Amino acid sequence: MKLNFWRSLIAVLAGNLIYYSVERYLPLRAQHDLYRIDWGLAVNFWLCMACYGIVRMIR
C-alpha cells in the first residue's frame, strides 16, 4: 500500500508540474480558472493519469 501511495504522489506531482509549466501556451479553454470545474481540470487530470501509467511501466 505504501508503494502505491508513492507512485500516485509522484504521478500527481509530475502531472501538475507539466501542466502548470505549459498552461500559458495552451488554448484558453484548456487553462484552469480557480474555483471552477472546467476543461483545464480535465487536461490536468489526463496528464496525471498519463504520468501514473508511465510510473507503473517503469516499475
PDB file of N, CA and C in Angstrom:
ATOM      1  N   MET A   1       0.824  -1.191   0.000  1.00  0.00           N
ATOM      2  CA  MET A   1       0.000   0.000   0.000  1.00  0.00           C
ATOM      3  C   MET A   1       0.870   1.257   0.000  1.00  0.00           C
ATOM      4  N   LYS A   2       1.987   1.219   0.705  1.00  0.00           N
ATOM      5  CA  LYS A   2       2.879   2.370   0.710  1.00  0.00           C
ATOM      6  C   LYS A   2       3.429   2.654  -0.680  1.00  0.00           C
ATOM      7  N   LEU A   3       3.758   1.588  -1.406  1.00  0.00           N
ATOM      8  CA  LEU A   3       4.319   1.762  -2.747  1.00  0.00           C
ATOM      9  C   LEU A   3       3.316   2.439  -3.671  1.00  0.00           C
ATOM     10  N   ASN A   4       2.056   2.054  -3.571  1.00  0.00           N
ATOM     11  CA  ASN A   4       1.023   2.665  -4.406  1.00  0.00           C
ATOM     12  C   ASN A   4       0.858   4.148  -4.079  1.00  0.00           C
ATOM     13  N   PHE A   5       0.952   4.496  -2.785  1.00  0.00           N
ATOM     14  CA  PHE A   5       0.871   5.898  -2.389  1.00  0.00           C
ATOM     15  C   PHE A   5       1.994   6.709  -3.024  1.00  0.00           C
ATOM     16  N   TRP A   6       3.204   6.198  -2.968  1.00  0.00           N
ATOM     17  CA  TRP A   6       4.341   6.939  -3.526  1.00  0.00           C
ATOM     18  C   TRP A   6       4.243   7.047  -5.045  1.00  0.00           C
ATOM     19  N   ARG A   7       3.777   6.001  -5.696  1.00  0.00           N
ATOM     20  CA  ARG A   7       3.573   6.071  -7.150  1.00  0.00           C
ATOM     21  C   ARG A   7       2.552   7.154  -7.498  1.00  0.00           C
ATOM     22  N   SER A   8       1.460   7.166  -6.754  1.00  0.00           N
ATOM     23  CA  SER A   8       0.413   8.157  -7.009  1.00  0.00           C
ATOM     24  C   SER A   8       0.913   9.568  -6.737  1.00  0.00           C
ATOM     25  N   LEU A   9       1.650   9.743  -5.659  1.00  0.00           N
ATOM     26  CA  LEU A   9       2.185  11.055  -5.332  1.00  0.00           C
ATOM     27  C   LEU A   9       3.136  11.557  -6.404  1.00  0.00           C
ATOM     28  N   ILE A  10       4.021  10.699  -6.865  1.00  0.00           N
ATOM     29  CA  ILE A  10       4.957  11.085  -7.926  1.00  0.00           C
ATOM     30  C   ILE A  10       4.203  11.442  -9.200  1.00  0.00           C
ATOM     31  N   ALA A  11       3.179  10.669  -9.535  1.00  0.00           N
ATOM     32  CA  ALA A  11       2.403  10.926 -10.748  1.00  0.00           C
ATOM     33  C   ALA A  11       1.668  12.255 -10.665  1.00  0.00           C
ATOM     34  N   VAL A  12       1.061  12.548  -9.527  1.00  0.00           N
ATOM     35  CA  VAL A  12       0.314  13.805  -9.374  1.00  0.00           C
ATOM     36  C   VAL A  12       1.263  14.997  -9.404  1.00  0.00           C
ATOM     37  N   LEU A  13       2.386  14.889  -8.718  1.00  0.00           N
ATOM     38  CA  LEU A  13       3.346  15.994  -8.730  1.00  0.00           C
ATOM     39  C   LEU A  13       3.917  16.217 -10.122  1.00  0.00           C
ATOM     40  N   ALA A  14       4.263  15.147 -10.818  1.00  0.00           N
ATOM     41  CA  ALA A  14       4.808  15.285 -12.170  1.00  0.00           C
ATOM     42  C   ALA A  14       3.757  15.828 -13.134  1.00  0.00           C
ATOM     43  N   GLY A  15       2.524  15.329 -13.040  1.00  0.00           N
ATOM     44  CA  GLY A  15       1.455  15.809 -13.913  1.00  0.00           C
ATOM     45  C   GLY A  15       1.167  17.281 -13.698  1.00  0.00           C
ATOM     46  N   ASN A  16       1.113  17.708 -12.435  1.00  0.00           N
ATOM     47  CA  ASN A  16       0.879  19.125 -12.150  1.00  0.00           C
ATOM     48  C   ASN A  16       2.054  19.987 -12.580  1.00  0.00           C
ATOM     49  N   LEU A  17       3.265  19.486 -12.409  1.00  0.00           N
ATOM     50  CA  LEU A  17       4.441  20.230 -12.849  1.00  0.00           C
ATOM     51  C   LEU A  17       4.407  20.448 -14.363  1.00  0.00           C
ATOM     52  N   ILE A  18       4.068  19.416 -15.096  1.00  0.00           N
ATOM     53  CA  ILE A  18       3.976  19.534 -16.556  1.00  0.00           C
ATOM     54  C   ILE A  18       2.855  20.497 -16.937  1.00  0.00           C
ATOM     55  N   TYR A  19       1.686  20.316 -16.329  1.00  0.00           N
ATOM     56  CA  TYR A  19       0.535  21.145 -16.694  1.00  0.00           C
ATOM     57  C   TYR A  19       0.793  22.620 -16.422  1.00  0.00           C
ATOM     58  N   TYR A  20       1.265  22.941 -15.218  1.00  0.00           N
ATOM     59  CA  TYR A  20       1.439  24.351 -14.872  1.00  0.00           C
ATOM     60  C   TYR A  20       2.638  24.983 -15.565  1.00  0.00           C
ATOM     61  N   SER A  21       3.559  24.175 -16.083  1.00  0.00           N
ATOM     62  CA  SER A  21       4.663  24.756 -16.840  1.00  0.00           C
ATOM     63  C   SER A  21       4.266  25.063 -18.285  1.00  0.00           C
ATOM     64  N   VAL A  22       3.248  24.375 -18.816  1.00  0.00           N
ATOM     65  CA  VAL A  22       2.814  24.639 -20.191  1.00  0.00           C
ATOM     66  C   VAL A  22       1.449  25.305 -20.269  1.00  0.00           C
ATOM     67  N   GLU A  23       0.862  25.634 -19.128  1.00  0.00           N
ATOM     68  CA  GLU A  23      -0.507  26.171 -19.112  1.00  0.00           C
ATOM     69  C   GLU A  23      -0.630  27.454 -19.922  1.00  0.00           C
ATOM     70  N   ARG A  24       0.338  28.317 -19.852  1.00  0.00           N
ATOM     71  CA  ARG A  24       0.215  29.601 -20.562  1.00  0.00           C
ATOM     72  C   ARG A  24       0.259  29.447 -22.075  1.00  0.00           C
ATOM     73  N   TYR A  25       0.753  28.298 -22.564  1.00  0.00           N
ATOM     74  CA  TYR A  25       0.815  28.052 -24.004  1.00  0.00           C
ATOM     75  C   TYR A  25      -0.417  27.308 -24.517  1.00  0.00           C
ATOM     76  N   LEU A  26      -1.260  26.847 -23.616  1.00  0.00           N
ATOM     77  CA  LEU A  26      -2.466  26.114 -24.009  1.00  0.00           C
ATOM     78  C   LEU A  26      -3.562  27.086 -24.457  1.00  0.00           C
ATOM     79  N   PRO A  27      -4.524  26.602 -25.232  1.00  0.00           N
ATOM     80  CA  PRO A  27      -5.668  27.455 -25.580  1.00  0.00           C
ATOM     81  C   PRO A  27      -6.428  27.871 -24.316  1.00  0.00           C
ATOM     82  N   LEU A  28      -7.190  28.942 -24.406  1.00  0.00           N
ATOM     83  CA  LEU A  28      -7.897  29.469 -23.238  1.00  0.00           C
ATOM     84  C   LEU A  28      -8.839  28.445 -22.603  1.00  0.00           C
ATOM     85  N   ARG A  29      -9.472  27.606 -23.411  1.00  0.00           N
ATOM     86  CA  ARG A  29     -10.390  26.603 -22.852  1.00  0.00           C
ATOM     87  C   ARG A  29      -9.653  25.557 -22.034  1.00  0.00           C
ATOM     88  N   ALA A  30      -8.373  25.333 -22.312  1.00  0.00           N
ATOM     89  CA  ALA A  30      -7.606  24.314 -21.591  1.00  0.00           C
ATOM     90  C   ALA A  30      -6.878  24.887 -20.386  1.00  0.00           C
ATOM     91  N   GLN A  31      -7.021  26.180 -20.135  1.00  0.00           N
ATOM     92  CA  GLN A  31      -6.397  26.799 -18.968  1.00  0.00           C
ATOM     93  C   GLN A  31      -7.383  26.770 -17.809  1.00  0.00           C
ATOM     94  N   HIS A  32      -6.871  26.491 -16.628  1.00  0.00           N
ATOM     95  CA  HIS A  32      -7.728  26.325 -15.464  1.00  0.00           C
ATOM     96  C   HIS A  32      -8.015  27.666 -14.789  1.00  0.00           C
ATOM     97  N   ASP A  33      -9.285  27.902 -14.448  1.00  0.00           N
ATOM     98  CA  ASP A  33      -9.690  29.051 -13.645  1.00  0.00           C
ATOM     99  C   ASP A  33      -9.884  28.575 -12.209  1.00  0.00           C
ATOM    100  N   LEU A  34      -9.448  29.371 -11.255  1.00  0.00           N
ATOM    101  CA  LEU A  34      -9.581  28.991  -9.854  1.00  0.00           C
ATOM    102  C   LEU A  34     -11.047  28.826  -9.462  1.00  0.00           C
ATOM    103  N   TYR A  35     -11.305  27.828  -8.629  1.00  0.00           N
ATOM    104  CA  TYR A  35     -12.621  27.561  -8.054  1.00  0.00           C
ATOM    105  C   TYR A  35     -13.701  27.266  -9.099  1.00  0.00           C
ATOM    106  N   ARG A  36     -13.305  26.707 -10.235  1.00  0.00           N
ATOM    107  CA  ARG A  36     -14.267  26.338 -11.267  1.00  0.00           C
ATOM    108  C   ARG A  36     -13.946  24.941 -11.773  1.00  0.00           C
ATOM    109  N   ILE A  37     -14.967  24.244 -12.189  1.00  0.00           N
ATOM    110  CA  ILE A  37     -14.772  22.964 -12.860  1.00  0.00           C
ATOM    111  C   ILE A  37     -14.784  23.269 -14.349  1.00  0.00           C
ATOM    112  N   ASP A  38     -13.652  23.057 -14.992  1.00  0.00           N
ATOM    113  CA  ASP A  38     -13.524  23.438 -16.394  1.00  0.00           C
ATOM    114  C   ASP A  38     -12.640  22.423 -17.128  1.00  0.00           C
ATOM    115  N   TRP A  39     -12.361  22.701 -18.397  1.00  0.00           N
ATOM    116  CA  TRP A  39     -11.552  21.799 -19.203  1.00  0.00           C
ATOM    117  C   TRP A  39     -10.105  21.758 -18.737  1.00  0.00           C
ATOM    118  N   GLY A  40      -9.647  22.798 -18.065  1.00  0.00           N
ATOM    119  CA  GLY A  40      -8.287  22.795 -17.531  1.00  0.00           C
ATOM    120  C   GLY A  40      -8.090  21.686 -16.515  1.00  0.00           C
ATOM    121  N   LEU A  41      -9.101  21.436 -15.708  1.00  0.00           N
ATOM    122  CA  LEU A  41      -9.026  20.327 -14.752  1.00  0.00           C
ATOM    123  C   LEU A  41      -8.964  18.982 -15.472  1.00  0.00           C
ATOM    124  N   ALA A  42      -9.704  18.874 -16.554  1.00  0.00           N
ATOM    125  CA  ALA A  42      -9.687  17.621 -17.314  1.00  0.00           C
ATOM    126  C   ALA A  42      -8.317  17.383 -17.943  1.00  0.00           C
ATOM    127  N   VAL A  43      -7.716  18.428 -18.468  1.00  0.00           N
ATOM    128  CA  VAL A  43      -6.377  18.305 -19.057  1.00  0.00           C
ATOM    129  C   VAL A  43      -5.367  17.934 -17.974  1.00  0.00           C
ATOM    130  N   ASN A  44      -5.461  18.578 -16.827  1.00  0.00           N
ATOM    131  CA  ASN A  44      -4.570  18.288 -15.710  1.00  0.00           C
ATOM    132  C   ASN A  44      -4.742  16.839 -15.244  1.00  0.00           C
ATOM    133  N   PHE A  45      -5.973  16.385 -15.116  1.00  0.00           N
ATOM    134  CA  PHE A  45      -6.252  15.010 -14.717  1.00  0.00           C
ATOM    135  C   PHE A  45      -5.669  14.024 -15.718  1.00  0.00           C
ATOM    136  N   TRP A  46      -5.845  14.303 -17.001  1.00  0.00           N
ATOM    137  CA  TRP A  46      -5.319  13.415 -18.034  1.00  0.00           C
ATOM    138  C   TRP A  46      -3.798  13.319 -17.946  1.00  0.00           C
ATOM    139  N   LEU A  47      -3.132  14.453 -17.725  1.00  0.00           N
ATOM    140  CA  LEU A  47      -1.671  14.430 -17.594  1.00  0.00           C
ATOM    141  C   LEU A  47      -1.237  13.629 -16.368  1.00  0.00           C
ATOM    142  N   CYS A  48      -1.939  13.774 -15.276  1.00  0.00           N
ATOM    143  CA  CYS A  48      -1.610  12.998 -14.072  1.00  0.00           C
ATOM    144  C   CYS A  48      -1.807  11.505 -14.320  1.00  0.00           C
ATOM    145  N   MET A  49      -2.863  11.138 -15.020  1.00  0.00           N
ATOM    146  CA  MET A  49      -3.095   9.728 -15.324  1.00  0.00           C
ATOM    147  C   MET A  49      -2.029   9.179 -16.268  1.00  0.00           C
ATOM    148  N   ALA A  50      -1.613   9.986 -17.231  1.00  0.00           N
ATOM    149  CA  ALA A  50      -0.541   9.558 -18.136  1.00  0.00           C
ATOM    150  C   ALA A  50       0.765   9.364 -17.362  1.00  0.00           C
ATOM    151  N   CYS A  51       1.050  10.270 -16.444  1.00  0.00           N
ATOM    152  CA  CYS A  51       2.260  10.126 -15.623  1.00  0.00           C
ATOM    153  C   CYS A  51       2.174   8.884 -14.744  1.00  0.00           C
ATOM    154  N   TYR A  52       0.993   8.585 -14.222  1.00  0.00           N
ATOM    155  CA  TYR A  52       0.825   7.382 -13.415  1.00  0.00           C
ATOM    156  C   TYR A  52       1.087   6.127 -14.254  1.00  0.00           C
ATOM    157  N   GLY A  53       0.609   6.124 -15.478  1.00  0.00           N
ATOM    158  CA  GLY A  53       0.874   4.990 -16.363  1.00  0.00           C
ATOM    159  C   GLY A  53       2.351   4.836 -16.658  1.00  0.00           C
ATOM    160  N   ILE A  54       3.048   5.957 -16.832  1.00  0.00           N
ATOM    161  CA  ILE A  54       4.489   5.896 -17.077  1.00  0.00           C
ATOM    162  C   ILE A  54       5.223   5.387 -15.846  1.00  0.00           C
ATOM    163  N   VAL A  55       4.824   5.851 -14.674  1.00  0.00           N
ATOM    164  CA  VAL A  55       5.455   5.381 -13.432  1.00  0.00           C
ATOM    165  C   VAL A  55       5.223   3.880 -13.264  1.00  0.00           C
ATOM    166  N   ARG A  56       4.027   3.413 -13.570  1.00  0.00           N
ATOM    167  CA  ARG A  56       3.741   1.976 -13.460  1.00  0.00           C
ATOM    168  C   ARG A  56       4.558   1.170 -14.452  1.00  0.00           C
ATOM    169  N   MET A  57       4.774   1.699 -15.658  1.00  0.00           N
ATOM    170  CA  MET A  57       5.566   0.984 -16.654  1.00  0.00           C
ATOM    171  C   MET A  57       7.036   0.920 -16.242  1.00  0.00           C
ATOM    172  N   ILE A  58       7.547   1.978 -15.634  1.00  0.00           N
ATOM    173  CA  ILE A  58       8.947   1.994 -15.214  1.00  0.00           C
ATOM    174  C   ILE A  58       9.167   0.964 -14.112  1.00  0.00           C
ATOM    175  N   ARG A  59       8.252   0.851 -13.204  1.00  0.00           N
ATOM    176  CA  ARG A  59       8.387  -0.089 -12.108  1.00  0.00           C
ATOM    177  C   ARG A  59       8.021  -1.446 -12.628  1.00  0.00           C
TER     178      ARG A  59
END
